[in-house]
Amino acid sequence: MKMGSVEWMELDRLTARLGELQRRREAAPKGRIGWIREIDSQILTVEAQRDRLVSHLTRRVVHRIAA
């Protein structure tokens, strides 16, 4: 397995999860405020995880280019 390929697979997984949560959010009944808040909380968590991973991958790419 290529170095870092697990990280790229994780990025794909997080991106897919985010899309799934966004679809659930759009389909959620408007009166289900607790449900919507829970989905929003999960979206924020996944976005933060994805942002950290993208930052990590970006640093690795820059480091390889500079080397």
PDB file of N, CA and C in Angstrom:
ATOM      1  N   MET A   1       0.834  -1.180   0.000  1.00  0.00           N
ATOM      2  CA  MET A   1       0.000   0.000   0.000  1.00  0.00           C
ATOM      3  C   MET A   1       0.881   1.245   0.000  1.00  0.00           C
ATOM      4  N   LYS A   2       0.530   2.227  -0.812  1.00  0.00           N
ATOM      5  CA  LYS A   2       1.307   3.453  -0.890  1.00  0.00           C
ATOM      6  C   LYS A   2       1.309   4.191   0.441  1.00  0.00           C
ATOM      7  N   MET A   3       2.414   4.888   0.691  1.00  0.00           N
ATOM      8  CA  MET A   3       2.499   5.681   1.907  1.00  0.00           C
ATOM      9  C   MET A   3       1.422   6.759   1.890  1.00  0.00           C
ATOM     10  N   GLY A   4       0.644   6.822   2.937  1.00  0.00           N
ATOM     11  CA  GLY A   4      -0.391   7.840   3.033  1.00  0.00           C
ATOM     12  C   GLY A   4      -1.713   7.477   2.385  1.00  0.00           C
ATOM     13  N   SER A   5      -1.794   6.330   1.717  1.00  0.00           N
ATOM     14  CA  SER A   5      -3.036   5.988   1.023  1.00  0.00           C
ATOM     15  C   SER A   5      -4.186   5.778   2.006  1.00  0.00           C
ATOM     16  N   VAL A   6      -3.886   5.337   3.210  1.00  0.00           N
ATOM     17  CA  VAL A   6      -4.923   5.172   4.228  1.00  0.00           C
ATOM     18  C   VAL A   6      -5.533   6.535   4.554  1.00  0.00           C
ATOM     19  N   GLU A   7      -4.688   7.548   4.595  1.00  0.00           N
ATOM     20  CA  GLU A   7      -5.187   8.898   4.884  1.00  0.00           C
ATOM     21  C   GLU A   7      -6.102   9.400   3.777  1.00  0.00           C
ATOM     22  N   TRP A   8      -5.760   9.100   2.531  1.00  0.00           N
ATOM     23  CA  TRP A   8      -6.613   9.522   1.414  1.00  0.00           C
ATOM     24  C   TRP A   8      -7.934   8.762   1.438  1.00  0.00           C
ATOM     25  N   MET A   9      -7.895   7.485   1.818  1.00  0.00           N
ATOM     26  CA  MET A   9      -9.132   6.719   1.950  1.00  0.00           C
ATOM     27  C   MET A   9      -9.995   7.290   3.070  1.00  0.00           C
ATOM     28  N   GLU A  10      -9.366   7.715   4.146  1.00  0.00           N
ATOM     29  CA  GLU A  10     -10.100   8.337   5.250  1.00  0.00           C
ATOM     30  C   GLU A  10     -10.744   9.650   4.799  1.00  0.00           C
ATOM     31  N   LEU A  11     -10.035  10.405   3.971  1.00  0.00           N
ATOM     32  CA  LEU A  11     -10.615  11.641   3.436  1.00  0.00           C
ATOM     33  C   LEU A  11     -11.848  11.327   2.596  1.00  0.00           C
ATOM     34  N   ASP A  12     -11.773  10.310   1.782  1.00  0.00           N
ATOM     35  CA  ASP A  12     -12.941   9.873   1.000  1.00  0.00           C
ATOM     36  C   ASP A  12     -14.092   9.474   1.919  1.00  0.00           C
ATOM     37  N   ARG A  13     -13.780   8.734   2.974  1.00  0.00           N
ATOM     38  CA  ARG A  13     -14.807   8.283   3.908  1.00  0.00           C
ATOM     39  C   ARG A  13     -15.480   9.466   4.609  1.00  0.00           C
ATOM     40  N   LEU A  14     -14.673  10.416   5.063  1.00  0.00           N
ATOM     41  CA  LEU A  14     -15.223  11.585   5.742  1.00  0.00           C
ATOM     42  C   LEU A  14     -16.075  12.427   4.793  1.00  0.00           C
ATOM     43  N   THR A  15     -15.623  12.571   3.565  1.00  0.00           N
ATOM     44  CA  THR A  15     -16.372  13.340   2.576  1.00  0.00           C
ATOM     45  C   THR A  15     -17.712  12.675   2.279  1.00  0.00           C
ATOM     46  N   ALA A  16     -17.702  11.352   2.147  1.00  0.00           N
ATOM     47  CA  ALA A  16     -18.949  10.611   1.911  1.00  0.00           C
ATOM     48  C   ALA A  16     -19.885  10.752   3.114  1.00  0.00           C
ATOM     49  N   ARG A  17     -19.336  10.645   4.316  1.00  0.00           N
ATOM     50  CA  ARG A  17     -20.146  10.785   5.533  1.00  0.00           C
ATOM     51  C   ARG A  17     -20.771  12.167   5.607  1.00  0.00           C
ATOM     52  N   LEU A  18     -20.004  13.183   5.264  1.00  0.00           N
ATOM     53  CA  LEU A  18     -20.522  14.546   5.274  1.00  0.00           C
ATOM     54  C   LEU A  18     -21.678  14.693   4.287  1.00  0.00           C
ATOM     55  N   GLY A  19     -21.532  14.130   3.101  1.00  0.00           N
ATOM     56  CA  GLY A  19     -22.607  14.164   2.115  1.00  0.00           C
ATOM     57  C   GLY A  19     -23.858  13.467   2.615  1.00  0.00           C
ATOM     58  N   GLU A  20     -23.664  12.330   3.280  1.00  0.00           N
ATOM     59  CA  GLU A  20     -24.790  11.581   3.842  1.00  0.00           C
ATOM     60  C   GLU A  20     -25.522  12.416   4.900  1.00  0.00           C
ATOM     61  N   LEU A  21     -24.756  13.039   5.786  1.00  0.00           N
ATOM     62  CA  LEU A  21     -25.361  13.860   6.830  1.00  0.00           C
ATOM     63  C   LEU A  21     -26.093  15.068   6.245  1.00  0.00           C
ATOM     64  N   GLN A  22     -25.520  15.678   5.223  1.00  0.00           N
ATOM     65  CA  GLN A  22     -26.171  16.829   4.596  1.00  0.00           C
ATOM     66  C   GLN A  22     -27.489  16.417   3.934  1.00  0.00           C
ATOM     67  N   ARG A  23     -27.518  15.244   3.320  1.00  0.00           N
ATOM     68  CA  ARG A  23     -28.770  14.750   2.730  1.00  0.00           C
ATOM     69  C   ARG A  23     -29.808  14.476   3.810  1.00  0.00           C
ATOM     70  N   ARG A  24     -29.373  13.891   4.923  1.00  0.00           N
ATOM     71  CA  ARG A  24     -30.288  13.649   6.041  1.00  0.00           C
ATOM     72  C   ARG A  24     -30.828  14.966   6.588  1.00  0.00           C
ATOM     73  N   ARG A  25     -29.959  15.965   6.651  1.00  0.00           N
ATOM     74  CA  ARG A  25     -30.362  17.295   7.159  1.00  0.00           C
ATOM     75  C   ARG A  25     -31.428  17.900   6.256  1.00  0.00           C
ATOM     76  N   GLU A  26     -31.204  17.817   4.953  1.00  0.00           N
ATOM     77  CA  GLU A  26     -32.171  18.365   3.989  1.00  0.00           C
ATOM     78  C   GLU A  26     -33.512  17.637   4.044  1.00  0.00           C
ATOM     79  N   ALA A  27     -33.481  16.332   4.336  1.00  0.00           N
ATOM     80  CA  ALA A  27     -34.703  15.537   4.355  1.00  0.00           C
ATOM     81  C   ALA A  27     -35.406  15.550   5.715  1.00  0.00           C
ATOM     82  N   ALA A  28     -34.767  16.115   6.724  1.00  0.00           N
ATOM     83  CA  ALA A  28     -35.338  16.102   8.075  1.00  0.00           C
ATOM     84  C   ALA A  28     -36.602  16.958   8.128  1.00  0.00           C
ATOM     85  N   PRO A  29     -37.628  16.448   8.784  1.00  0.00           N
ATOM     86  CA  PRO A  29     -38.856  17.240   8.952  1.00  0.00           C
ATOM     87  C   PRO A  29     -38.552  18.523   9.729  1.00  0.00           C
ATOM     88  N   LYS A  30     -39.143  19.616   9.295  1.00  0.00           N
ATOM     89  CA  LYS A  30     -38.852  20.929   9.889  1.00  0.00           C
ATOM     90  C   LYS A  30     -39.193  21.004  11.379  1.00  0.00           C
ATOM     91  N   GLY A  31     -40.165  20.269  11.829  1.00  0.00           N
ATOM     92  CA  GLY A  31     -40.567  20.318  13.231  1.00  0.00           C
ATOM     93  C   GLY A  31     -39.695  19.518  14.176  1.00  0.00           C
ATOM     94  N   ARG A  32     -38.761  18.761  13.643  1.00  0.00           N
ATOM     95  CA  ARG A  32     -37.905  17.883  14.462  1.00  0.00           C
ATOM     96  C   ARG A  32     -36.617  18.607  14.847  1.00  0.00           C
ATOM     97  N   ILE A  33     -36.748  19.646  15.665  1.00  0.00           N
ATOM     98  CA  ILE A  33     -35.618  20.505  16.017  1.00  0.00           C
ATOM     99  C   ILE A  33     -34.482  19.718  16.684  1.00  0.00           C
ATOM    100  N   GLY A  34     -34.822  18.824  17.600  1.00  0.00           N
ATOM    101  CA  GLY A  34     -33.779  18.031  18.264  1.00  0.00           C
ATOM    102  C   GLY A  34     -33.007  17.171  17.290  1.00  0.00           C
ATOM    103  N   TRP A  35     -33.719  16.583  16.355  1.00  0.00           N
ATOM    104  CA  TRP A  35     -33.096  15.740  15.337  1.00  0.00           C
ATOM    105  C   TRP A  35     -32.180  16.583  14.448  1.00  0.00           C
ATOM    106  N   ILE A  36     -32.680  17.739  14.036  1.00  0.00           N
ATOM    107  CA  ILE A  36     -31.896  18.634  13.183  1.00  0.00           C
ATOM    108  C   ILE A  36     -30.640  19.102  13.907  1.00  0.00           C
ATOM    109  N   ARG A  37     -30.775  19.438  15.175  1.00  0.00           N
ATOM    110  CA  ARG A  37     -29.595  19.868  15.957  1.00  0.00           C
ATOM    111  C   ARG A  37     -28.562  18.754  16.066  1.00  0.00           C
ATOM    112  N   GLU A  38     -29.027  17.528  16.250  1.00  0.00           N
ATOM    113  CA  GLU A  38     -28.102  16.390  16.334  1.00  0.00           C
ATOM    114  C   GLU A  38     -27.358  16.201  15.013  1.00  0.00           C
ATOM    115  N   ILE A  39     -28.076  16.292  13.914  1.00  0.00           N
ATOM    116  CA  ILE A  39     -27.432  16.169  12.596  1.00  0.00           C
ATOM    117  C   ILE A  39     -26.430  17.306  12.398  1.00  0.00           C
ATOM    118  N   ASP A  40     -26.831  18.527  12.766  1.00  0.00           N
ATOM    119  CA  ASP A  40     -25.921  19.672  12.646  1.00  0.00           C
ATOM    120  C   ASP A  40     -24.660  19.464  13.473  1.00  0.00           C
ATOM    121  N   SER A  41     -24.815  18.902  14.669  1.00  0.00           N
ATOM    122  CA  SER A  41     -23.668  18.625  15.526  1.00  0.00           C
ATOM    123  C   SER A  41     -22.739  17.598  14.872  1.00  0.00           C
ATOM    124  N   GLN A  42     -23.323  16.560  14.297  1.00  0.00           N
ATOM    125  CA  GLN A  42     -22.528  15.550  13.611  1.00  0.00           C
ATOM    126  C   GLN A  42     -21.817  16.141  12.400  1.00  0.00           C
ATOM    127  N   ILE A  43     -22.497  17.025  11.669  1.00  0.00           N
ATOM    128  CA  ILE A  43     -21.876  17.684  10.515  1.00  0.00           C
ATOM    129  C   ILE A  43     -20.664  18.480  10.964  1.00  0.00           C
ATOM    130  N   LEU A  44     -20.809  19.252  12.043  1.00  0.00           N
ATOM    131  CA  LEU A  44     -19.683  20.045  12.542  1.00  0.00           C
ATOM    132  C   LEU A  44     -18.505  19.157  12.944  1.00  0.00           C
ATOM    133  N   THR A  45     -18.793  18.027  13.567  1.00  0.00           N
ATOM    134  CA  THR A  45     -17.736  17.103  13.977  1.00  0.00           C
ATOM    135  C   THR A  45     -16.996  16.541  12.765  1.00  0.00           C
ATOM    136  N   VAL A  46     -17.735  16.087  11.777  1.00  0.00           N
ATOM    137  CA  VAL A  46     -17.115  15.506  10.582  1.00  0.00           C
ATOM    138  C   VAL A  46     -16.354  16.571   9.802  1.00  0.00           C
ATOM    139  N   GLU A  47     -16.909  17.781   9.712  1.00  0.00           N
ATOM    140  CA  GLU A  47     -16.197  18.864   9.027  1.00  0.00           C
ATOM    141  C   GLU A  47     -14.868  19.164   9.714  1.00  0.00           C
ATOM    142  N   ALA A  48     -14.866  19.189  11.035  1.00  0.00           N
ATOM    143  CA  ALA A  48     -13.628  19.451  11.778  1.00  0.00           C
ATOM    144  C   ALA A  48     -12.611  18.334  11.547  1.00  0.00           C
ATOM    145  N   GLN A  49     -13.067  17.087  11.559  1.00  0.00           N
ATOM    146  CA  GLN A  49     -12.166  15.955  11.295  1.00  0.00           C
ATOM    147  C   GLN A  49     -11.583  16.061   9.892  1.00  0.00           C
ATOM    148  N   ARG A  50     -12.442  16.370   8.927  1.00  0.00           N
ATOM    149  CA  ARG A  50     -11.981  16.479   7.544  1.00  0.00           C
ATOM    150  C   ARG A  50     -11.007  17.644   7.384  1.00  0.00           C
ATOM    151  N   ASP A  51     -11.298  18.775   8.014  1.00  0.00           N
ATOM    152  CA  ASP A  51     -10.397  19.930   7.936  1.00  0.00           C
ATOM    153  C   ASP A  51      -9.014  19.602   8.499  1.00  0.00           C
ATOM    154  N   ARG A  52      -8.993  18.889   9.640  1.00  0.00           N
ATOM    155  CA  ARG A  52      -7.695  18.505  10.222  1.00  0.00           C
ATOM    156  C   ARG A  52      -6.928  17.577   9.285  1.00  0.00           C
ATOM    157  N   LEU A  53      -7.634  16.639   8.681  1.00  0.00           N
ATOM    158  CA  LEU A  53      -6.985  15.690   7.780  1.00  0.00           C
ATOM    159  C   LEU A  53      -6.476  16.399   6.522  1.00  0.00           C
ATOM    160  N   VAL A  54      -7.255  17.306   5.973  1.00  0.00           N
ATOM    161  CA  VAL A  54      -6.819  18.062   4.790  1.00  0.00           C
ATOM    162  C   VAL A  54      -5.573  18.881   5.126  1.00  0.00           C
ATOM    163  N   SER A  55      -5.552  19.493   6.304  1.00  0.00           N
ATOM    164  CA  SER A  55      -4.362  20.256   6.713  1.00  0.00           C
ATOM    165  C   SER A  55      -3.142  19.345   6.806  1.00  0.00           C
ATOM    166  N   HIS A  56      -3.325  18.177   7.387  1.00  0.00           N
ATOM    167  CA  HIS A  56      -2.233  17.212   7.510  1.00  0.00           C
ATOM    168  C   HIS A  56      -1.731  16.776   6.128  1.00  0.00           C
ATOM    169  N   LEU A  57      -2.655  16.436   5.244  1.00  0.00           N
ATOM    170  CA  LEU A  57      -2.270  15.994   3.900  1.00  0.00           C
ATOM    171  C   LEU A  57      -1.577  17.118   3.131  1.00  0.00           C
ATOM    172  N   THR A  58      -2.054  18.334   3.304  1.00  0.00           N
ATOM    173  CA  THR A  58      -1.437  19.486   2.631  1.00  0.00           C
ATOM    174  C   THR A  58       0.001  19.667   3.100  1.00  0.00           C
ATOM    175  N   ARG A  59       0.214  19.565   4.419  1.00  0.00           N
ATOM    176  CA  ARG A  59       1.588  19.685   4.941  1.00  0.00           C
ATOM    177  C   ARG A  59       2.493  18.601   4.363  1.00  0.00           C
ATOM    178  N   ARG A  60       1.968  17.374   4.250  1.00  0.00           N
ATOM    179  CA  ARG A  60       2.774  16.278   3.695  1.00  0.00           C
ATOM    180  C   ARG A  60       3.134  16.536   2.243  1.00  0.00           C
ATOM    181  N   VAL A  61       2.174  17.016   1.462  1.00  0.00           N
ATOM    182  CA  VAL A  61       2.436  17.308   0.049  1.00  0.00           C
ATOM    183  C   VAL A  61       3.472  18.416  -0.075  1.00  0.00           C
ATOM    184  N   VAL A  62       3.312  19.478   0.684  1.00  0.00           N
ATOM    185  CA  VAL A  62       4.275  20.594   0.642  1.00  0.00           C
ATOM    186  C   VAL A  62       5.662  20.111   1.056  1.00  0.00           C
ATOM    187  N   HIS A  63       5.721  19.286   2.079  1.00  0.00           N
ATOM    188  CA  HIS A  63       7.002  18.766   2.552  1.00  0.00           C
ATOM    189  C   HIS A  63       7.681  17.928   1.453  1.00  0.00           C
ATOM    190  N   ARG A  64       6.904  17.104   0.766  1.00  0.00           N
ATOM    191  CA  ARG A  64       7.479  16.268  -0.301  1.00  0.00           C
ATOM    192  C   ARG A  64       7.967  17.120  -1.468  1.00  0.00           C
ATOM    193  N   ILE A  65       7.225  18.178  -1.783  1.00  0.00           N
ATOM    194  CA  ILE A  65       7.636  19.043  -2.888  1.00  0.00           C
ATOM    195  C   ILE A  65       8.926  19.771  -2.512  1.00  0.00           C
ATOM    196  N   ALA A  66       9.015  20.213  -1.264  1.00  0.00           N
ATOM    197  CA  ALA A  66      10.190  20.970  -0.802  1.00  0.00           C
ATOM    198  C   ALA A  66      11.425  20.087  -0.660  1.00  0.00           C
ATOM    199  N   ALA A  67      11.234  18.785  -0.483  1.00  0.00           N
ATOM    200  CA  ALA A  67      12.364  17.878  -0.249  1.00  0.00           C
ATOM    201  C   ALA A  67      13.145  17.587  -1.499  1.00  0.00           C
TER     202      ALA A  67
END
